[in-house]
Amino acid sequence: WSRAPSAIVLASAAFAMAVSTFLSVCCPPGMVPIDCKTAAFVWVYVVSWAMIQDVAKVFVYKLVRCVGLLESITVISEDEMTVFRAQEIEMTEASMLCDAV
């Protein structure tokens, strides 16, 4: 793959699924608990669709690059983004000055 998700994203997703699984199996407020088989099915279902979605994303990125709609899928660093924003502000200010004249 192009790059793996960050550890914080994986940890937060796993934590959210674990807490929701615990609540739905042990003590859902005002509802009937589900059995462990159903909870396991939901885990497999969610993880499977996450993998399918990631494969589709990578395929679409490659297709878009192959067609020529996108030249690069690199990550922009914070320094590059700061320079880009500064240039954008300068262009906007220059445009406003031209409109005023």
PDB file of N, CA and C in Angstrom:
ATOM      1  N   TRP A   1       0.839  -1.188   0.000  1.00  0.00           N
ATOM      2  CA  TRP A   1       0.000   0.000   0.000  1.00  0.00           C
ATOM      3  C   TRP A   1       0.876   1.240   0.000  1.00  0.00           C
ATOM      4  N   SER A   2       0.256   2.362  -0.238  1.00  0.00           N
ATOM      5  CA  SER A   2       1.030   3.595  -0.316  1.00  0.00           C
ATOM      6  C   SER A   2       1.601   3.963   1.049  1.00  0.00           C
ATOM      7  N   ARG A   3       0.828   3.841   2.109  1.00  0.00           N
ATOM      8  CA  ARG A   3       1.317   4.042   3.468  1.00  0.00           C
ATOM      9  C   ARG A   3       0.285   3.504   4.448  1.00  0.00           C
ATOM     10  N   ALA A   4       0.763   3.096   5.577  1.00  0.00           N
ATOM     11  CA  ALA A   4      -0.116   2.513   6.592  1.00  0.00           C
ATOM     12  C   ALA A   4      -0.773   3.622   7.399  1.00  0.00           C
ATOM     13  N   PRO A   5      -1.959   3.354   7.942  1.00  0.00           N
ATOM     14  CA  PRO A   5      -2.582   4.354   8.806  1.00  0.00           C
ATOM     15  C   PRO A   5      -1.753   4.544  10.080  1.00  0.00           C
ATOM     16  N   SER A   6      -1.870   5.702  10.665  1.00  0.00           N
ATOM     17  CA  SER A   6      -1.074   5.994  11.862  1.00  0.00           C
ATOM     18  C   SER A   6      -1.554   5.142  13.037  1.00  0.00           C
ATOM     19  N   ALA A   7      -0.674   4.983  13.989  1.00  0.00           N
ATOM     20  CA  ALA A   7      -0.982   4.165  15.169  1.00  0.00           C
ATOM     21  C   ALA A   7      -2.146   4.755  15.961  1.00  0.00           C
ATOM     22  N   ILE A   8      -2.242   6.075  16.015  1.00  0.00           N
ATOM     23  CA  ILE A   8      -3.323   6.710  16.779  1.00  0.00           C
ATOM     24  C   ILE A   8      -4.687   6.441  16.128  1.00  0.00           C
ATOM     25  N   VAL A   9      -4.719   6.396  14.804  1.00  0.00           N
ATOM     26  CA  VAL A   9      -5.978   6.099  14.106  1.00  0.00           C
ATOM     27  C   VAL A   9      -6.396   4.658  14.371  1.00  0.00           C
ATOM     28  N   LEU A  10      -5.449   3.736  14.248  1.00  0.00           N
ATOM     29  CA  LEU A  10      -5.762   2.329  14.520  1.00  0.00           C
ATOM     30  C   LEU A  10      -6.172   2.119  15.971  1.00  0.00           C
ATOM     31  N   ALA A  11      -5.473   2.760  16.892  1.00  0.00           N
ATOM     32  CA  ALA A  11      -5.796   2.611  18.311  1.00  0.00           C
ATOM     33  C   ALA A  11      -7.181   3.172  18.627  1.00  0.00           C
ATOM     34  N   SER A  12      -7.507   4.321  18.071  1.00  0.00           N
ATOM     35  CA  SER A  12      -8.820   4.910  18.357  1.00  0.00           C
ATOM     36  C   SER A  12      -9.948   4.085  17.742  1.00  0.00           C
ATOM     37  N   ALA A  13      -9.728   3.544  16.556  1.00  0.00           N
ATOM     38  CA  ALA A  13     -10.747   2.692  15.942  1.00  0.00           C
ATOM     39  C   ALA A  13     -10.944   1.411  16.745  1.00  0.00           C
ATOM     40  N   ALA A  14      -9.848   0.788  17.160  1.00  0.00           N
ATOM     41  CA  ALA A  14      -9.945  -0.439  17.953  1.00  0.00           C
ATOM     42  C   ALA A  14     -10.606  -0.162  19.307  1.00  0.00           C
ATOM     43  N   PHE A  15     -10.269   0.957  19.919  1.00  0.00           N
ATOM     44  CA  PHE A  15     -10.868   1.314  21.209  1.00  0.00           C
ATOM     45  C   PHE A  15     -12.375   1.539  21.059  1.00  0.00           C
ATOM     46  N   ALA A  16     -12.775   2.272  20.025  1.00  0.00           N
ATOM     47  CA  ALA A  16     -14.202   2.534  19.807  1.00  0.00           C
ATOM     48  C   ALA A  16     -14.968   1.239  19.554  1.00  0.00           C
ATOM     49  N   MET A  17     -14.391   0.349  18.758  1.00  0.00           N
ATOM     50  CA  MET A  17     -15.069  -0.928  18.487  1.00  0.00           C
ATOM     51  C   MET A  17     -15.114  -1.801  19.746  1.00  0.00           C
ATOM     52  N   ALA A  18     -14.036  -1.791  20.538  1.00  0.00           N
ATOM     53  CA  ALA A  18     -14.022  -2.608  21.756  1.00  0.00           C
ATOM     54  C   ALA A  18     -15.060  -2.118  22.758  1.00  0.00           C
ATOM     55  N   VAL A  19     -15.135  -0.818  22.948  1.00  0.00           N
ATOM     56  CA  VAL A  19     -16.118  -0.264  23.897  1.00  0.00           C
ATOM     57  C   VAL A  19     -17.540  -0.519  23.408  1.00  0.00           C
ATOM     58  N   SER A  20     -17.789  -0.306  22.121  1.00  0.00           N
ATOM     59  CA  SER A  20     -19.139  -0.532  21.604  1.00  0.00           C
ATOM     60  C   SER A  20     -19.503  -2.016  21.656  1.00  0.00           C
ATOM     61  N   THR A  21     -18.520  -2.890  21.431  1.00  0.00           N
ATOM     62  CA  THR A  21     -18.775  -4.331  21.538  1.00  0.00           C
ATOM     63  C   THR A  21     -19.104  -4.708  22.982  1.00  0.00           C
ATOM     64  N   PHE A  22     -18.336  -4.185  23.921  1.00  0.00           N
ATOM     65  CA  PHE A  22     -18.597  -4.461  25.329  1.00  0.00           C
ATOM     66  C   PHE A  22     -19.997  -4.004  25.717  1.00  0.00           C
ATOM     67  N   LEU A  23     -20.346  -2.791  25.312  1.00  0.00           N
ATOM     68  CA  LEU A  23     -21.669  -2.267  25.666  1.00  0.00           C
ATOM     69  C   LEU A  23     -22.788  -3.078  25.023  1.00  0.00           C
ATOM     70  N   SER A  24     -22.611  -3.488  23.783  1.00  0.00           N
ATOM     71  CA  SER A  24     -23.686  -4.215  23.106  1.00  0.00           C
ATOM     72  C   SER A  24     -23.813  -5.658  23.594  1.00  0.00           C
ATOM     73  N   VAL A  25     -22.726  -6.250  24.084  1.00  0.00           N
ATOM     74  CA  VAL A  25     -22.773  -7.628  24.571  1.00  0.00           C
ATOM     75  C   VAL A  25     -23.150  -7.689  26.055  1.00  0.00           C
ATOM     76  N   CYS A  26     -22.616  -6.779  26.834  1.00  0.00           N
ATOM     77  CA  CYS A  26     -22.787  -6.868  28.295  1.00  0.00           C
ATOM     78  C   CYS A  26     -23.935  -6.045  28.855  1.00  0.00           C
ATOM     79  N   CYS A  27     -24.017  -4.803  28.463  1.00  0.00           N
ATOM     80  CA  CYS A  27     -24.999  -3.958  29.140  1.00  0.00           C
ATOM     81  C   CYS A  27     -25.514  -2.830  28.239  1.00  0.00           C
ATOM     82  N   PRO A  28     -26.246  -3.181  27.182  1.00  0.00           N
ATOM     83  CA  PRO A  28     -26.806  -2.100  26.376  1.00  0.00           C
ATOM     84  C   PRO A  28     -27.946  -1.408  27.126  1.00  0.00           C
ATOM     85  N   PRO A  29     -27.873  -0.080  27.264  1.00  0.00           N
ATOM     86  CA  PRO A  29     -28.926   0.618  28.015  1.00  0.00           C
ATOM     87  C   PRO A  29     -30.263   0.565  27.275  1.00  0.00           C
ATOM     88  N   GLY A  30     -31.244  -0.076  27.927  1.00  0.00           N
ATOM     89  CA  GLY A  30     -32.593  -0.134  27.383  1.00  0.00           C
ATOM     90  C   GLY A  30     -32.759  -1.069  26.202  1.00  0.00           C
ATOM     91  N   MET A  31     -31.797  -1.980  25.972  1.00  0.00           N
ATOM     92  CA  MET A  31     -31.901  -2.909  24.839  1.00  0.00           C
ATOM     93  C   MET A  31     -31.522  -4.319  25.288  1.00  0.00           C
ATOM     94  N   VAL A  32     -31.849  -5.279  24.445  1.00  0.00           N
ATOM     95  CA  VAL A  32     -31.470  -6.666  24.708  1.00  0.00           C
ATOM     96  C   VAL A  32     -30.032  -6.866  24.236  1.00  0.00           C
ATOM     97  N   PRO A  33     -29.166  -7.469  25.048  1.00  0.00           N
ATOM     98  CA  PRO A  33     -27.775  -7.689  24.620  1.00  0.00           C
ATOM     99  C   PRO A  33     -27.701  -8.642  23.432  1.00  0.00           C
ATOM    100  N   ILE A  34     -26.657  -8.477  22.613  1.00  0.00           N
ATOM    101  CA  ILE A  34     -26.432  -9.406  21.512  1.00  0.00           C
ATOM    102  C   ILE A  34     -25.477 -10.496  21.988  1.00  0.00           C
ATOM    103  N   ASP A  35     -25.485 -11.633  21.296  1.00  0.00           N
ATOM    104  CA  ASP A  35     -24.582 -12.710  21.701  1.00  0.00           C
ATOM    105  C   ASP A  35     -23.189 -12.487  21.100  1.00  0.00           C
ATOM    106  N   CYS A  36     -22.235 -13.238  21.593  1.00  0.00           N
ATOM    107  CA  CYS A  36     -20.838 -13.066  21.166  1.00  0.00           C
ATOM    108  C   CYS A  36     -20.635 -13.433  19.705  1.00  0.00           C
ATOM    109  N   LYS A  37     -21.419 -14.390  19.193  1.00  0.00           N
ATOM    110  CA  LYS A  37     -21.319 -14.746  17.770  1.00  0.00           C
ATOM    111  C   LYS A  37     -21.658 -13.553  16.887  1.00  0.00           C
ATOM    112  N   THR A  38     -22.708 -12.849  17.241  1.00  0.00           N
ATOM    113  CA  THR A  38     -23.108 -11.676  16.465  1.00  0.00           C
ATOM    114  C   THR A  38     -22.048 -10.588  16.547  1.00  0.00           C
ATOM    115  N   ALA A  39     -21.489 -10.390  17.724  1.00  0.00           N
ATOM    116  CA  ALA A  39     -20.433  -9.387  17.889  1.00  0.00           C
ATOM    117  C   ALA A  39     -19.213  -9.744  17.041  1.00  0.00           C
ATOM    118  N   ALA A  40     -18.845 -11.035  17.021  1.00  0.00           N
ATOM    119  CA  ALA A  40     -17.713 -11.469  16.204  1.00  0.00           C
ATOM    120  C   ALA A  40     -18.013 -11.264  14.725  1.00  0.00           C
ATOM    121  N   PHE A  41     -19.247 -11.544  14.305  1.00  0.00           N
ATOM    122  CA  PHE A  41     -19.635 -11.329  12.914  1.00  0.00           C
ATOM    123  C   PHE A  41     -19.485  -9.846  12.543  1.00  0.00           C
ATOM    124  N   VAL A  42     -19.910  -8.967  13.439  1.00  0.00           N
ATOM    125  CA  VAL A  42     -19.807  -7.527  13.175  1.00  0.00           C
ATOM    126  C   VAL A  42     -18.346  -7.117  13.034  1.00  0.00           C
ATOM    127  N   TRP A  43     -17.471  -7.639  13.898  1.00  0.00           N
ATOM    128  CA  TRP A  43     -16.038  -7.325  13.795  1.00  0.00           C
ATOM    129  C   TRP A  43     -15.478  -7.768  12.444  1.00  0.00           C
ATOM    130  N   VAL A  44     -15.789  -9.006  12.046  1.00  0.00           N
ATOM    131  CA  VAL A  44     -15.303  -9.521  10.758  1.00  0.00           C
ATOM    132  C   VAL A  44     -15.857  -8.684   9.614  1.00  0.00           C
ATOM    133  N   TYR A  45     -17.129  -8.332   9.689  1.00  0.00           N
ATOM    134  CA  TYR A  45     -17.774  -7.525   8.653  1.00  0.00           C
ATOM    135  C   TYR A  45     -17.096  -6.160   8.512  1.00  0.00           C
ATOM    136  N   VAL A  46     -16.870  -5.487   9.626  1.00  0.00           N
ATOM    137  CA  VAL A  46     -16.272  -4.146   9.606  1.00  0.00           C
ATOM    138  C   VAL A  46     -14.840  -4.193   9.081  1.00  0.00           C
ATOM    139  N   VAL A  47     -14.050  -5.134   9.568  1.00  0.00           N
ATOM    140  CA  VAL A  47     -12.653  -5.241   9.126  1.00  0.00           C
ATOM    141  C   VAL A  47     -12.591  -5.615   7.646  1.00  0.00           C
ATOM    142  N   SER A  48     -13.467  -6.510   7.213  1.00  0.00           N
ATOM    143  CA  SER A  48     -13.493  -6.904   5.795  1.00  0.00           C
ATOM    144  C   SER A  48     -13.801  -5.715   4.901  1.00  0.00           C
ATOM    145  N   TRP A  49     -14.817  -4.947   5.247  1.00  0.00           N
ATOM    146  CA  TRP A  49     -15.159  -3.791   4.420  1.00  0.00           C
ATOM    147  C   TRP A  49     -14.096  -2.702   4.486  1.00  0.00           C
ATOM    148  N   ALA A  50     -13.387  -2.588   5.593  1.00  0.00           N
ATOM    149  CA  ALA A  50     -12.286  -1.632   5.667  1.00  0.00           C
ATOM    150  C   ALA A  50     -11.189  -2.024   4.685  1.00  0.00           C
ATOM    151  N   MET A  51     -10.890  -3.310   4.602  1.00  0.00           N
ATOM    152  CA  MET A  51      -9.882  -3.790   3.646  1.00  0.00           C
ATOM    153  C   MET A  51     -10.342  -3.573   2.203  1.00  0.00           C
ATOM    154  N   ILE A  52     -11.599  -3.907   1.920  1.00  0.00           N
ATOM    155  CA  ILE A  52     -12.132  -3.708   0.569  1.00  0.00           C
ATOM    156  C   ILE A  52     -12.082  -2.232   0.189  1.00  0.00           C
ATOM    157  N   GLN A  53     -12.444  -1.372   1.117  1.00  0.00           N
ATOM    158  CA  GLN A  53     -12.424   0.067   0.860  1.00  0.00           C
ATOM    159  C   GLN A  53     -11.006   0.553   0.585  1.00  0.00           C
ATOM    160  N   ASP A  54     -10.023   0.039   1.334  1.00  0.00           N
ATOM    161  CA  ASP A  54      -8.645   0.465   1.123  1.00  0.00           C
ATOM    162  C   ASP A  54      -8.117  -0.019  -0.222  1.00  0.00           C
ATOM    163  N   VAL A  55      -8.457  -1.256  -0.607  1.00  0.00           N
ATOM    164  CA  VAL A  55      -8.050  -1.760  -1.917  1.00  0.00           C
ATOM    165  C   VAL A  55      -8.670  -0.905  -3.020  1.00  0.00           C
ATOM    166  N   ALA A  56      -9.936  -0.549  -2.874  1.00  0.00           N
ATOM    167  CA  ALA A  56     -10.599   0.299  -3.876  1.00  0.00           C
ATOM    168  C   ALA A  56      -9.946   1.674  -3.947  1.00  0.00           C
ATOM    169  N   LYS A  57      -9.564   2.230  -2.800  1.00  0.00           N
ATOM    170  CA  LYS A  57      -8.903   3.538  -2.780  1.00  0.00           C
ATOM    171  C   LYS A  57      -7.582   3.491  -3.531  1.00  0.00           C
ATOM    172  N   VAL A  58      -6.773   2.476  -3.264  1.00  0.00           N
ATOM    173  CA  VAL A  58      -5.481   2.350  -3.937  1.00  0.00           C
ATOM    174  C   VAL A  58      -5.690   2.164  -5.436  1.00  0.00           C
ATOM    175  N   PHE A  59      -6.668   1.355  -5.817  1.00  0.00           N
ATOM    176  CA  PHE A  59      -6.967   1.139  -7.243  1.00  0.00           C
ATOM    177  C   PHE A  59      -7.375   2.443  -7.917  1.00  0.00           C
ATOM    178  N   VAL A  60      -8.229   3.215  -7.278  1.00  0.00           N
ATOM    179  CA  VAL A  60      -8.674   4.486  -7.860  1.00  0.00           C
ATOM    180  C   VAL A  60      -7.512   5.460  -7.977  1.00  0.00           C
ATOM    181  N   TYR A  61      -6.645   5.530  -6.965  1.00  0.00           N
ATOM    182  CA  TYR A  61      -5.460   6.391  -7.056  1.00  0.00           C
ATOM    183  C   TYR A  61      -4.604   6.011  -8.251  1.00  0.00           C
ATOM    184  N   LYS A  62      -4.372   4.702  -8.438  1.00  0.00           N
ATOM    185  CA  LYS A  62      -3.561   4.245  -9.567  1.00  0.00           C
ATOM    186  C   LYS A  62      -4.251   4.547 -10.890  1.00  0.00           C
ATOM    187  N   LEU A  63      -5.557   4.362 -10.944  1.00  0.00           N
ATOM    188  CA  LEU A  63      -6.314   4.649 -12.164  1.00  0.00           C
ATOM    189  C   LEU A  63      -6.264   6.130 -12.506  1.00  0.00           C
ATOM    190  N   VAL A  64      -6.451   6.977 -11.523  1.00  0.00           N
ATOM    191  CA  VAL A  64      -6.425   8.426 -11.744  1.00  0.00           C
ATOM    192  C   VAL A  64      -5.042   8.863 -12.204  1.00  0.00           C
ATOM    193  N   ARG A  65      -4.006   8.290 -11.611  1.00  0.00           N
ATOM    194  CA  ARG A  65      -2.646   8.627 -12.027  1.00  0.00           C
ATOM    195  C   ARG A  65      -2.379   8.121 -13.442  1.00  0.00           C
ATOM    196  N   CYS A  66      -2.857   6.925 -13.779  1.00  0.00           N
ATOM    197  CA  CYS A  66      -2.657   6.334 -15.102  1.00  0.00           C
ATOM    198  C   CYS A  66      -3.361   7.149 -16.186  1.00  0.00           C
ATOM    199  N   VAL A  67      -4.559   7.625 -15.884  1.00  0.00           N
ATOM    200  CA  VAL A  67      -5.335   8.414 -16.845  1.00  0.00           C
ATOM    201  C   VAL A  67      -4.710   9.788 -17.037  1.00  0.00           C
ATOM    202  N   GLY A  68      -3.954  10.254 -16.059  1.00  0.00           N
ATOM    203  CA  GLY A  68      -3.278  11.535 -16.180  1.00  0.00           C
ATOM    204  C   GLY A  68      -3.992  12.677 -15.477  1.00  0.00           C
ATOM    205  N   LEU A  69      -4.971  12.352 -14.666  1.00  0.00           N
ATOM    206  CA  LEU A  69      -5.686  13.392 -13.930  1.00  0.00           C
ATOM    207  C   LEU A  69      -4.908  13.873 -12.711  1.00  0.00           C
ATOM    208  N   LEU A  70      -3.926  13.090 -12.317  1.00  0.00           N
ATOM    209  CA  LEU A  70      -3.150  13.419 -11.142  1.00  0.00           C
ATOM    210  C   LEU A  70      -1.707  13.003 -11.384  1.00  0.00           C
ATOM    211  N   GLU A  71      -0.786  13.927 -11.136  1.00  0.00           N
ATOM    212  CA  GLU A  71       0.620  13.628 -11.387  1.00  0.00           C
ATOM    213  C   GLU A  71       1.288  12.966 -10.195  1.00  0.00           C
ATOM    214  N   SER A  72       0.920  13.371  -8.996  1.00  0.00           N
ATOM    215  CA  SER A  72       1.597  12.864  -7.813  1.00  0.00           C
ATOM    216  C   SER A  72       0.613  12.735  -6.667  1.00  0.00           C
ATOM    217  N   ILE A  73       0.839  11.742  -5.833  1.00  0.00           N
ATOM    218  CA  ILE A  73       0.006  11.549  -4.642  1.00  0.00           C
ATOM    219  C   ILE A  73       0.895  11.616  -3.407  1.00  0.00           C
ATOM    220  N   THR A  74       1.857  12.505  -3.421  1.00  0.00           N
ATOM    221  CA  THR A  74       2.763  12.621  -2.283  1.00  0.00           C
ATOM    222  C   THR A  74       2.131  13.475  -1.192  1.00  0.00           C
ATOM    223  N   VAL A  75       2.626  13.307   0.003  1.00  0.00           N
ATOM    224  CA  VAL A  75       2.150  14.077   1.140  1.00  0.00           C
ATOM    225  C   VAL A  75       2.934  15.382   1.202  1.00  0.00           C
ATOM    226  N   ILE A  76       2.229  16.484   1.381  1.00  0.00           N
ATOM    227  CA  ILE A  76       2.865  17.794   1.469  1.00  0.00           C
ATOM    228  C   ILE A  76       3.310  18.019   2.908  1.00  0.00           C
ATOM    229  N   SER A  77       4.552  18.459   3.069  1.00  0.00           N
ATOM    230  CA  SER A  77       5.057  18.724   4.418  1.00  0.00           C
ATOM    231  C   SER A  77       4.465  20.033   4.946  1.00  0.00           C
ATOM    232  N   GLU A  78       4.576  20.233   6.237  1.00  0.00           N
ATOM    233  CA  GLU A  78       4.056  21.462   6.852  1.00  0.00           C
ATOM    234  C   GLU A  78       4.774  22.694   6.314  1.00  0.00           C
ATOM    235  N   ASP A  79       6.094  22.574   6.075  1.00  0.00           N
ATOM    236  CA  ASP A  79       6.852  23.706   5.540  1.00  0.00           C
ATOM    237  C   ASP A  79       6.365  24.083   4.145  1.00  0.00           C
ATOM    238  N   GLU A  80       6.139  23.073   3.300  1.00  0.00           N
ATOM    239  CA  GLU A  80       5.633  23.341   1.952  1.00  0.00           C
ATOM    240  C   GLU A  80       4.246  23.972   1.997  1.00  0.00           C
ATOM    241  N   MET A  81       3.420  23.517   2.923  1.00  0.00           N
ATOM    242  CA  MET A  81       2.071  24.064   3.055  1.00  0.00           C
ATOM    243  C   MET A  81       2.123  25.507   3.526  1.00  0.00           C
ATOM    244  N   THR A  82       3.028  25.846   4.429  1.00  0.00           N
ATOM    245  CA  THR A  82       3.185  27.217   4.908  1.00  0.00           C
ATOM    246  C   THR A  82       3.598  28.138   3.763  1.00  0.00           C
ATOM    247  N   VAL A  83       4.545  27.672   2.936  1.00  0.00           N
ATOM    248  CA  VAL A  83       4.987  28.462   1.777  1.00  0.00           C
ATOM    249  C   VAL A  83       3.829  28.654   0.805  1.00  0.00           C
ATOM    250  N   PHE A  84       3.067  27.591   0.547  1.00  0.00           N
ATOM    251  CA  PHE A  84       1.931  27.675  -0.368  1.00  0.00           C
ATOM    252  C   PHE A  84       0.894  28.681   0.133  1.00  0.00           C
ATOM    253  N   ARG A  85       0.578  28.635   1.420  1.00  0.00           N
ATOM    254  CA  ARG A  85      -0.409  29.568   1.981  1.00  0.00           C
ATOM    255  C   ARG A  85       0.080  31.010   1.895  1.00  0.00           C
ATOM    256  N   ALA A  86       1.365  31.218   2.148  1.00  0.00           N
ATOM    257  CA  ALA A  86       1.924  32.573   2.061  1.00  0.00           C
ATOM    258  C   ALA A  86       1.833  33.092   0.626  1.00  0.00           C
ATOM    259  N   GLN A  87       2.131  32.253  -0.349  1.00  0.00           N
ATOM    260  CA  GLN A  87       2.030  32.658  -1.753  1.00  0.00           C
ATOM    261  C   GLN A  87       0.578  32.946  -2.131  1.00  0.00           C
ATOM    262  N   GLU A  88      -0.323  32.150  -1.618  1.00  0.00           N
ATOM    263  CA  GLU A  88      -1.743  32.348  -1.899  1.00  0.00           C
ATOM    264  C   GLU A  88      -2.229  33.690  -1.334  1.00  0.00           C
ATOM    265  N   ILE A  89      -1.780  34.028  -0.134  1.00  0.00           N
ATOM    266  CA  ILE A  89      -2.153  35.304   0.479  1.00  0.00           C
ATOM    267  C   ILE A  89      -1.594  36.461  -0.337  1.00  0.00           C
ATOM    268  N   GLU A  90      -0.334  36.346  -0.769  1.00  0.00           N
ATOM    269  CA  GLU A  90       0.274  37.401  -1.585  1.00  0.00           C
ATOM    270  C   GLU A  90      -0.496  37.605  -2.884  1.00  0.00           C
ATOM    271  N   MET A  91      -0.900  36.502  -3.525  1.00  0.00           N
ATOM    272  CA  MET A  91      -1.645  36.608  -4.783  1.00  0.00           C
ATOM    273  C   MET A  91      -3.014  37.252  -4.552  1.00  0.00           C
ATOM    274  N   THR A  92      -3.658  36.909  -3.434  1.00  0.00           N
ATOM    275  CA  THR A  92      -4.965  37.487  -3.123  1.00  0.00           C
ATOM    276  C   THR A  92      -4.836  38.983  -2.859  1.00  0.00           C
ATOM    277  N   GLU A  93      -3.806  39.365  -2.115  1.00  0.00           N
ATOM    278  CA  GLU A  93      -3.595  40.787  -1.830  1.00  0.00           C
ATOM    279  C   GLU A  93      -3.275  41.560  -3.103  1.00  0.00           C
ATOM    280  N   ALA A  94      -2.482  40.983  -3.984  1.00  0.00           N
ATOM    281  CA  ALA A  94      -2.152  41.631  -5.255  1.00  0.00           C
ATOM    282  C   ALA A  94      -3.392  41.781  -6.109  1.00  0.00           C
ATOM    283  N   SER A  95      -4.239  40.767  -6.107  1.00  0.00           N
ATOM    284  CA  SER A  95      -5.491  40.829  -6.872  1.00  0.00           C
ATOM    285  C   SER A  95      -6.401  41.927  -6.338  1.00  0.00           C
ATOM    286  N   MET A  96      -6.443  42.049  -5.017  1.00  0.00           N
ATOM    287  CA  MET A  96      -7.297  43.075  -4.398  1.00  0.00           C
ATOM    288  C   MET A  96      -6.779  44.470  -4.743  1.00  0.00           C
ATOM    289  N   LEU A  97      -5.447  44.631  -4.797  1.00  0.00           N
ATOM    290  CA  LEU A  97      -4.871  45.921  -5.161  1.00  0.00           C
ATOM    291  C   LEU A  97      -5.198  46.283  -6.615  1.00  0.00           C
ATOM    292  N   CYS A  98      -5.156  45.292  -7.491  1.00  0.00           N
ATOM    293  CA  CYS A  98      -5.486  45.537  -8.913  1.00  0.00           C
ATOM    294  C   CYS A  98      -6.962  45.922  -9.050  1.00  0.00           C
ATOM    295  N   ASP A  99      -7.832  45.267  -8.280  1.00  0.00           N
ATOM    296  CA  ASP A  99      -9.254  45.583  -8.344  1.00  0.00           C
ATOM    297  C   ASP A  99      -9.541  46.994  -7.820  1.00  0.00           C
ATOM    298  N   ALA A 100      -8.751  47.438  -6.844  1.00  0.00           N
ATOM    299  CA  ALA A 100      -8.971  48.761  -6.247  1.00  0.00           C
ATOM    300  C   ALA A 100      -8.556  49.873  -7.196  1.00  0.00           C
ATOM    301  N   VAL A 101      -7.620  49.592  -8.091  1.00  0.00           N
ATOM    302  CA  VAL A 101      -7.101  50.631  -9.003  1.00  0.00           C
ATOM    303  C   VAL A 101      -7.952  50.775 -10.201  1.00  0.00           C
TER     304      VAL A 101
END
